[in-house]
Every structure is written in structure tokens, then in C-alpha cells.
Amino acid sequence: MPSETLVGAELTRELGIRGEHDLFGGIVPHAFVATKSITHPLVAPDAYAPAGWSHGFPHRVRDDVLSGFSAFTREDARRAGALSAARELVFQASVHVHGRGSAPKRRGPRGAA
């Protein structure tokens, strides 16, 4: 069973992966694409966005996911946390790639699941 997502076309070429029949797992162009962060918008228009970030995708899926923000710097995470607490939104503190898991989430008002 795959436990990690391969990141980048260069790595797949090095491994000899040319198509879907060469791999049982996933390949993404950027590490953050393998996480849930792609489903949430950035906290503000001036927030840091990594290379490859899609500003439109979170808005296209917003009706299908819990509310929240994606942040890639501590400053943006603080802004997202403050807005999330004020609006009682979901806040996912940090996401890690390559099987390291993700941090606990807080949902809604304190005490709500």
C-alpha cells in the first residue's frame, strides 16, 4: 500500500514512472497538493501562496467542504486562527506531507465536535 505521495515530475522521471501502469499511488506537482489545504482559500488576498497554488479551486469546492483557511506562513496562520475563532470556523493548524499526519482540528464553538 502506498504511504506517501510522490512530488514532482523530476522524481517520477528518475524513478522511471512514465504512466499510470508504472505506479500504484499518487503523484502531485507540489507537496501541498497532497493535503487538504487545497480545499480552503488563503486567509487574505495578500497572504503567501506557494508556487502552483490555485486561487479558484477553493472557491469552486467551498459548498462541499468545511469552512476554513489555508496558511503557509506563521503570520497567515495567526490571521486565519483569529478569523476562525471570531467566525467559529474550522481551523486546521498544520498539514504535513509524506505520512507524518496532520495536527488536530478544532471545529465550531468550543466544546462542539
Protein backbone atom coordinates (compact mmCIF):
# COMPACT_ATOMS: atom_id res chain seq x y z
CA MET A 1 0.00 0.00 0.00
CA PRO A 2 1.34 3.44 -0.83
CA SER A 3 2.10 5.52 2.25
CA GLU A 4 3.47 8.60 0.53
CA THR A 5 2.64 10.77 -2.44
CA LEU A 6 5.41 11.41 -4.93
CA VAL A 7 6.07 15.10 -5.51
CA GLY A 8 7.24 16.50 -8.83
CA ALA A 9 7.80 15.37 -12.39
CA GLU A 10 11.59 15.20 -11.93
CA LEU A 11 11.26 12.49 -9.26
CA THR A 12 8.86 10.44 -11.35
CA ARG A 13 11.29 10.57 -14.30
CA GLU A 14 14.17 9.49 -12.04
CA LEU A 15 12.09 6.51 -10.86
CA GLY A 16 11.17 5.53 -14.43
CA ILE A 17 7.47 6.27 -13.99
CA ARG A 18 6.02 7.07 -17.40
CA GLY A 19 2.31 6.43 -16.90
CA GLU A 20 -0.47 5.07 -14.70
CA HIS A 21 0.67 1.47 -15.23
CA ASP A 22 4.06 2.21 -13.63
CA LEU A 23 2.76 3.29 -10.23
CA PHE A 24 0.20 2.28 -7.61
CA GLY A 25 -0.22 5.53 -5.72
CA GLY A 26 -0.30 9.23 -6.35
CA ILE A 27 1.87 11.91 -7.94
CA VAL A 28 1.37 15.62 -7.38
CA PRO A 29 3.24 18.61 -8.82
CA HIS A 30 3.68 20.31 -5.42
CA ALA A 31 3.69 18.85 -1.88
CA PHE A 32 0.73 20.92 -0.64
CA VAL A 33 -1.48 19.43 -3.38
CA ALA A 34 -1.38 16.11 -1.49
CA THR A 35 -3.06 17.73 1.51
CA LYS A 36 -6.47 19.14 2.42
CA SER A 37 -5.04 22.65 2.19
CA ILE A 38 -6.09 22.85 -1.47
CA THR A 39 -9.76 22.93 -0.41
CA HIS A 40 -9.55 26.14 1.63
CA PRO A 41 -8.85 29.68 0.42
CA LEU A 42 -5.95 31.76 1.68
CA VAL A 43 -6.79 33.98 4.63
CA ALA A 44 -6.40 37.20 2.59
CA PRO A 45 -5.52 38.32 -0.94
CA ASP A 46 -2.05 39.38 0.27
CA ALA A 47 -1.35 36.03 2.02
CA TYR A 48 1.60 33.97 0.84
CA ALA A 49 0.72 31.43 -1.86
CA PRO A 50 3.21 28.71 -2.83
CA ALA A 51 4.11 28.09 -6.47
CA GLY A 52 1.29 26.19 -8.13
CA TRP A 53 -1.43 27.48 -5.78
CA SER A 54 -4.91 27.71 -7.35
CA HIS A 55 -6.87 30.68 -6.05
CA GLY A 56 -10.00 29.49 -7.85
CA PHE A 57 -10.22 25.85 -6.70
CA PRO A 58 -11.15 26.54 -3.03
CA HIS A 59 -13.99 28.76 -4.22
CA ARG A 60 -15.27 26.07 -6.59
CA VAL A 61 -15.46 23.45 -3.81
CA ARG A 62 -16.48 25.67 -0.87
CA ASP A 63 -20.02 24.24 -0.73
CA ASP A 64 -18.61 20.71 -0.41
CA VAL A 65 -16.04 21.21 2.39
CA LEU A 66 -15.96 22.60 5.90
CA SER A 67 -15.17 26.30 6.19
CA GLY A 68 -11.59 27.25 6.93
CA PHE A 69 -8.42 28.79 5.60
CA SER A 70 -5.07 27.58 4.31
CA ALA A 71 -1.94 29.31 5.57
CA PHE A 72 1.68 28.77 4.61
CA THR A 73 3.37 31.24 6.96
CA ARG A 74 3.06 31.75 10.71
CA GLU A 75 1.71 35.25 10.22
CA ASP A 76 -1.01 34.00 7.89
CA ALA A 77 -1.78 31.12 10.28
CA ARG A 78 -2.26 33.62 13.11
CA ARG A 79 -4.60 35.70 10.95
CA ALA A 80 -6.52 32.56 9.96
CA GLY A 81 -6.74 31.45 13.59
CA ALA A 82 -8.07 34.82 14.71
CA LEU A 83 -10.66 34.91 11.92
CA SER A 84 -11.62 31.28 12.50
CA ALA A 85 -12.13 31.84 16.23
CA ALA A 86 -14.11 35.01 15.58
CA ARG A 87 -16.30 33.29 12.99
CA GLU A 88 -16.31 29.89 14.75
CA LEU A 89 -14.84 28.24 11.64
CA VAL A 90 -12.72 25.12 11.31
CA PHE A 91 -9.01 25.80 11.72
CA GLN A 92 -6.50 23.18 10.67
CA ALA A 93 -3.24 24.22 12.30
CA SER A 94 -0.73 22.49 10.06
CA VAL A 95 -0.58 19.78 7.50
CA HIS A 96 2.41 17.57 6.84
CA VAL A 97 3.14 15.53 3.75
CA HIS A 98 4.78 12.08 3.49
CA GLY A 99 2.80 10.21 6.14
CA ARG A 100 3.60 12.45 9.08
CA GLY A 101 -0.08 13.14 9.74
CA SER A 102 -1.86 16.38 10.43
CA ALA A 103 -2.43 18.44 13.51
CA PRO A 104 -5.73 18.23 15.44
CA LYS A 105 -8.63 20.32 14.23
CA ARG A 106 -10.95 22.50 16.26
CA ARG A 107 -14.49 22.71 14.92
CA GLY A 108 -17.08 25.31 15.67
CA PRO A 109 -17.65 26.78 19.13
CA ARG A 110 -15.56 25.45 21.99
CA GLY A 111 -16.82 22.07 23.07
CA ALA A 112 -18.57 21.32 19.77
CA ALA A 113 -17.35 18.33 17.77
